[in-house]
Amino acid sequence: MTKKSFFYATFIMSIAFLFHAFHSPSTAHAGFFDRVKDIYTAPEKLDEVRERV
């Protein structure tokens, strides 16, 4: 590995690290936890639907 390619690899890895470190979390995480919570409340929701019919 030459010095020039080592510099470029280090530079790209530094940019990637900084982007990852300061990037705000996406809203997908909140959606995932909401779905997990919905799984646990699904039986109650099914009972409500059955009572309405």
PDB file of N, CA and C in Angstrom:
ATOM      1  N   MET A   1       0.851  -1.165   0.000  1.00  0.00           N
ATOM      2  CA  MET A   1       0.000   0.000   0.000  1.00  0.00           C
ATOM      3  C   MET A   1       0.905   1.238   0.000  1.00  0.00           C
ATOM      4  N   THR A   2       0.669   2.109  -0.936  1.00  0.00           N
ATOM      5  CA  THR A   2       1.478   3.317  -1.009  1.00  0.00           C
ATOM      6  C   THR A   2       0.985   4.345   0.001  1.00  0.00           C
ATOM      7  N   LYS A   3       1.799   5.358   0.215  1.00  0.00           N
ATOM      8  CA  LYS A   3       1.418   6.410   1.168  1.00  0.00           C
ATOM      9  C   LYS A   3       0.173   7.148   0.696  1.00  0.00           C
ATOM     10  N   LYS A   4       0.067   7.348  -0.611  1.00  0.00           N
ATOM     11  CA  LYS A   4      -1.076   8.075  -1.155  1.00  0.00           C
ATOM     12  C   LYS A   4      -2.370   7.285  -0.956  1.00  0.00           C
ATOM     13  N   SER A   5      -2.354   5.995  -1.240  1.00  0.00           N
ATOM     14  CA  SER A   5      -3.558   5.187  -1.064  1.00  0.00           C
ATOM     15  C   SER A   5      -3.891   5.021   0.412  1.00  0.00           C
ATOM     16  N   PHE A   6      -2.876   4.952   1.269  1.00  0.00           N
ATOM     17  CA  PHE A   6      -3.119   4.876   2.706  1.00  0.00           C
ATOM     18  C   PHE A   6      -3.787   6.159   3.197  1.00  0.00           C
ATOM     19  N   PHE A   7      -3.334   7.309   2.688  1.00  0.00           N
ATOM     20  CA  PHE A   7      -3.936   8.585   3.058  1.00  0.00           C
ATOM     21  C   PHE A   7      -5.395   8.623   2.637  1.00  0.00           C
ATOM     22  N   TYR A   8      -5.692   8.207   1.408  1.00  0.00           N
ATOM     23  CA  TYR A   8      -7.072   8.220   0.926  1.00  0.00           C
ATOM     24  C   TYR A   8      -7.954   7.267   1.732  1.00  0.00           C
ATOM     25  N   ALA A   9      -7.455   6.107   2.042  1.00  0.00           N
ATOM     26  CA  ALA A   9      -8.231   5.147   2.827  1.00  0.00           C
ATOM     27  C   ALA A   9      -8.505   5.695   4.219  1.00  0.00           C
ATOM     28  N   THR A  10      -7.513   6.303   4.837  1.00  0.00           N
ATOM     29  CA  THR A  10      -7.683   6.884   6.163  1.00  0.00           C
ATOM     30  C   THR A  10      -8.665   8.050   6.123  1.00  0.00           C
ATOM     31  N   PHE A  11      -8.566   8.872   5.082  1.00  0.00           N
ATOM     32  CA  PHE A  11      -9.460  10.012   4.931  1.00  0.00           C
ATOM     33  C   PHE A  11     -10.912   9.550   4.769  1.00  0.00           C
ATOM     34  N   ILE A  12     -11.135   8.571   3.928  1.00  0.00           N
ATOM     35  CA  ILE A  12     -12.494   8.066   3.695  1.00  0.00           C
ATOM     36  C   ILE A  12     -13.058   7.425   4.957  1.00  0.00           C
ATOM     37  N   MET A  13     -12.253   6.670   5.667  1.00  0.00           N
ATOM     38  CA  MET A  13     -12.714   6.049   6.911  1.00  0.00           C
ATOM     39  C   MET A  13     -13.029   7.113   7.962  1.00  0.00           C
ATOM     40  N   SER A  14     -12.256   8.186   8.004  1.00  0.00           N
ATOM     41  CA  SER A  14     -12.521   9.265   8.960  1.00  0.00           C
ATOM     42  C   SER A  14     -13.836   9.959   8.647  1.00  0.00           C
ATOM     43  N   ILE A  15     -14.076  10.223   7.369  1.00  0.00           N
ATOM     44  CA  ILE A  15     -15.335  10.846   6.967  1.00  0.00           C
ATOM     45  C   ILE A  15     -16.514   9.934   7.319  1.00  0.00           C
ATOM     46  N   ALA A  16     -16.367   8.642   7.039  1.00  0.00           N
ATOM     47  CA  ALA A  16     -17.440   7.691   7.348  1.00  0.00           C
ATOM     48  C   ALA A  16     -17.698   7.637   8.852  1.00  0.00           C
ATOM     49  N   PHE A  17     -16.645   7.643   9.645  1.00  0.00           N
ATOM     50  CA  PHE A  17     -16.807   7.609  11.099  1.00  0.00           C
ATOM     51  C   PHE A  17     -17.513   8.860  11.593  1.00  0.00           C
ATOM     52  N   LEU A  18     -17.099  10.028  11.102  1.00  0.00           N
ATOM     53  CA  LEU A  18     -17.721  11.278  11.538  1.00  0.00           C
ATOM     54  C   LEU A  18     -19.182  11.338  11.125  1.00  0.00           C
ATOM     55  N   PHE A  19     -19.489  10.872   9.926  1.00  0.00           N
ATOM     56  CA  PHE A  19     -20.878  10.851   9.480  1.00  0.00           C
ATOM     57  C   PHE A  19     -21.711   9.943  10.375  1.00  0.00           C
ATOM     58  N   HIS A  20     -21.168   8.787  10.705  1.00  0.00           N
ATOM     59  CA  HIS A  20     -21.886   7.839  11.565  1.00  0.00           C
ATOM     60  C   HIS A  20     -22.041   8.393  12.984  1.00  0.00           C
ATOM     61  N   ALA A  21     -21.029   9.073  13.481  1.00  0.00           N
ATOM     62  CA  ALA A  21     -21.059   9.569  14.856  1.00  0.00           C
ATOM     63  C   ALA A  21     -22.045  10.723  15.037  1.00  0.00           C
ATOM     64  N   PHE A  22     -22.192  11.572  14.015  1.00  0.00           N
ATOM     65  CA  PHE A  22     -23.020  12.761  14.167  1.00  0.00           C
ATOM     66  C   PHE A  22     -24.334  12.705  13.398  1.00  0.00           C
ATOM     67  N   HIS A  23     -24.586  11.609  12.758  1.00  0.00           N
ATOM     68  CA  HIS A  23     -25.825  11.461  12.003  1.00  0.00           C
ATOM     69  C   HIS A  23     -26.969  11.218  12.973  1.00  0.00           C
ATOM     70  N   SER A  24     -28.074  11.912  12.797  1.00  0.00           N
ATOM     71  CA  SER A  24     -29.212  11.733  13.697  1.00  0.00           C
ATOM     72  C   SER A  24     -29.896  10.400  13.402  1.00  0.00           C
ATOM     73  N   PRO A  25     -30.425   9.753  14.404  1.00  0.00           N
ATOM     74  CA  PRO A  25     -31.086   8.467  14.181  1.00  0.00           C
ATOM     75  C   PRO A  25     -32.337   8.639  13.324  1.00  0.00           C
ATOM     76  N   SER A  26     -32.590   7.672  12.515  1.00  0.00           N
ATOM     77  CA  SER A  26     -33.756   7.757  11.637  1.00  0.00           C
ATOM     78  C   SER A  26     -35.037   7.446  12.410  1.00  0.00           C
ATOM     79  N   THR A  27     -36.154   7.745  11.818  1.00  0.00           N
ATOM     80  CA  THR A  27     -37.436   7.497  12.465  1.00  0.00           C
ATOM     81  C   THR A  27     -37.820   6.026  12.398  1.00  0.00           C
ATOM     82  N   ALA A  28     -37.053   5.230  11.688  1.00  0.00           N
ATOM     83  CA  ALA A  28     -37.363   3.806  11.573  1.00  0.00           C
ATOM     84  C   ALA A  28     -37.279   3.111  12.933  1.00  0.00           C
ATOM     85  N   HIS A  29     -36.411   3.572  13.797  1.00  0.00           N
ATOM     86  CA  HIS A  29     -36.281   2.947  15.109  1.00  0.00           C
ATOM     87  C   HIS A  29     -37.572   3.105  15.911  1.00  0.00           C
ATOM     88  N   ALA A  30     -38.158   4.269  15.872  1.00  0.00           N
ATOM     89  CA  ALA A  30     -39.408   4.491  16.600  1.00  0.00           C
ATOM     90  C   ALA A  30     -40.509   3.628  16.010  1.00  0.00           C
ATOM     91  N   GLY A  31     -40.549   3.496  14.695  1.00  0.00           N
ATOM     92  CA  GLY A  31     -41.552   2.658  14.058  1.00  0.00           C
ATOM     93  C   GLY A  31     -41.405   1.205  14.462  1.00  0.00           C
ATOM     94  N   PHE A  32     -40.175   0.739  14.605  1.00  0.00           N
ATOM     95  CA  PHE A  32     -39.934  -0.644  15.003  1.00  0.00           C
ATOM     96  C   PHE A  32     -40.487  -0.898  16.400  1.00  0.00           C
ATOM     97  N   PHE A  33     -40.211  -0.012  17.348  1.00  0.00           N
ATOM     98  CA  PHE A  33     -40.680  -0.211  18.708  1.00  0.00           C
ATOM     99  C   PHE A  33     -42.194  -0.093  18.804  1.00  0.00           C
ATOM    100  N   ASP A  34     -42.772   0.774  17.984  1.00  0.00           N
ATOM    101  CA  ASP A  34     -44.234   0.865  17.959  1.00  0.00           C
ATOM    102  C   ASP A  34     -44.846  -0.435  17.465  1.00  0.00           C
ATOM    103  N   ARG A  35     -44.220  -1.043  16.475  1.00  0.00           N
ATOM    104  CA  ARG A  35     -44.738  -2.317  15.954  1.00  0.00           C
ATOM    105  C   ARG A  35     -44.619  -3.432  16.985  1.00  0.00           C
ATOM    106  N   VAL A  36     -43.512  -3.447  17.709  1.00  0.00           N
ATOM    107  CA  VAL A  36     -43.343  -4.464  18.758  1.00  0.00           C
ATOM    108  C   VAL A  36     -44.397  -4.267  19.834  1.00  0.00           C
ATOM    109  N   LYS A  37     -44.656  -3.017  20.189  1.00  0.00           N
ATOM    110  CA  LYS A  37     -45.670  -2.724  21.197  1.00  0.00           C
ATOM    111  C   LYS A  37     -47.052  -3.138  20.698  1.00  0.00           C
ATOM    112  N   ASP A  38     -47.317  -2.935  19.407  1.00  0.00           N
ATOM    113  CA  ASP A  38     -48.592  -3.340  18.832  1.00  0.00           C
ATOM    114  C   ASP A  38     -48.780  -4.854  18.861  1.00  0.00           C
ATOM    115  N   ILE A  39     -47.707  -5.595  18.731  1.00  0.00           N
ATOM    116  CA  ILE A  39     -47.808  -7.057  18.778  1.00  0.00           C
ATOM    117  C   ILE A  39     -48.341  -7.504  20.137  1.00  0.00           C
ATOM    118  N   TYR A  40     -47.871  -6.850  21.198  1.00  0.00           N
ATOM    119  CA  TYR A  40     -48.309  -7.240  22.531  1.00  0.00           C
ATOM    120  C   TYR A  40     -49.730  -6.779  22.845  1.00  0.00           C
ATOM    121  N   THR A  41     -50.199  -5.737  22.168  1.00  0.00           N
ATOM    122  CA  THR A  41     -51.567  -5.267  22.405  1.00  0.00           C
ATOM    123  C   THR A  41     -52.543  -5.811  21.375  1.00  0.00           C
ATOM    124  N   ALA A  42     -52.082  -6.646  20.463  1.00  0.00           N
ATOM    125  CA  ALA A  42     -52.944  -7.181  19.402  1.00  0.00           C
ATOM    126  C   ALA A  42     -54.117  -7.998  19.953  1.00  0.00           C
ATOM    127  N   PRO A  43     -53.943  -8.864  20.943  1.00  0.00           N
ATOM    128  CA  PRO A  43     -55.094  -9.618  21.448  1.00  0.00           C
ATOM    129  C   PRO A  43     -56.218  -8.720  21.972  1.00  0.00           C
ATOM    130  N   GLU A  44     -55.856  -7.627  22.648  1.00  0.00           N
ATOM    131  CA  GLU A  44     -56.881  -6.702  23.144  1.00  0.00           C
ATOM    132  C   GLU A  44     -57.603  -6.025  21.987  1.00  0.00           C
ATOM    133  N   LYS A  45     -56.874  -5.673  20.949  1.00  0.00           N
ATOM    134  CA  LYS A  45     -57.485  -5.030  19.787  1.00  0.00           C
ATOM    135  C   LYS A  45     -58.413  -6.000  19.064  1.00  0.00           C
ATOM    136  N   LEU A  46     -58.024  -7.269  18.989  1.00  0.00           N
ATOM    137  CA  LEU A  46     -58.886  -8.267  18.355  1.00  0.00           C
ATOM    138  C   LEU A  46     -60.184  -8.428  19.132  1.00  0.00           C
ATOM    139  N   ASP A  47     -60.106  -8.414  20.445  1.00  0.00           N
ATOM    140  CA  ASP A  47     -61.324  -8.518  21.266  1.00  0.00           C
ATOM    141  C   ASP A  47     -62.248  -7.332  21.009  1.00  0.00           C
ATOM    142  N   GLU A  48     -61.665  -6.138  20.875  1.00  0.00           N
ATOM    143  CA  GLU A  48     -62.483  -4.953  20.583  1.00  0.00           C
ATOM    144  C   GLU A  48     -63.195  -5.088  19.240  1.00  0.00           C
ATOM    145  N   VAL A  49     -62.494  -5.587  18.241  1.00  0.00           N
ATOM    146  CA  VAL A  49     -63.085  -5.740  16.911  1.00  0.00           C
ATOM    147  C   VAL A  49     -64.199  -6.783  16.956  1.00  0.00           C
ATOM    148  N   ARG A  50     -63.973  -7.861  17.670  1.00  0.00           N
ATOM    149  CA  ARG A  50     -64.994  -8.907  17.769  1.00  0.00           C
ATOM    150  C   ARG A  50     -66.238  -8.413  18.477  1.00  0.00           C
ATOM    151  N   GLU A  51     -66.083  -7.546  19.470  1.00  0.00           N
ATOM    152  CA  GLU A  51     -67.237  -7.003  20.188  1.00  0.00           C
ATOM    153  C   GLU A  51     -68.057  -6.077  19.313  1.00  0.00           C
ATOM    154  N   ARG A  52     -67.429  -5.377  18.396  1.00  0.00           N
ATOM    155  CA  ARG A  52     -68.132  -4.454  17.509  1.00  0.00           C
ATOM    156  C   ARG A  52     -68.947  -5.186  16.453  1.00  0.00           C
ATOM    157  N   VAL A  53     -68.545  -6.383  16.106  1.00  0.00           N
ATOM    158  CA  VAL A  53     -69.235  -7.123  15.028  1.00  0.00           C
ATOM    159  C   VAL A  53     -70.438  -7.828  15.531  1.00  0.00           C
TER     160      VAL A  53
END
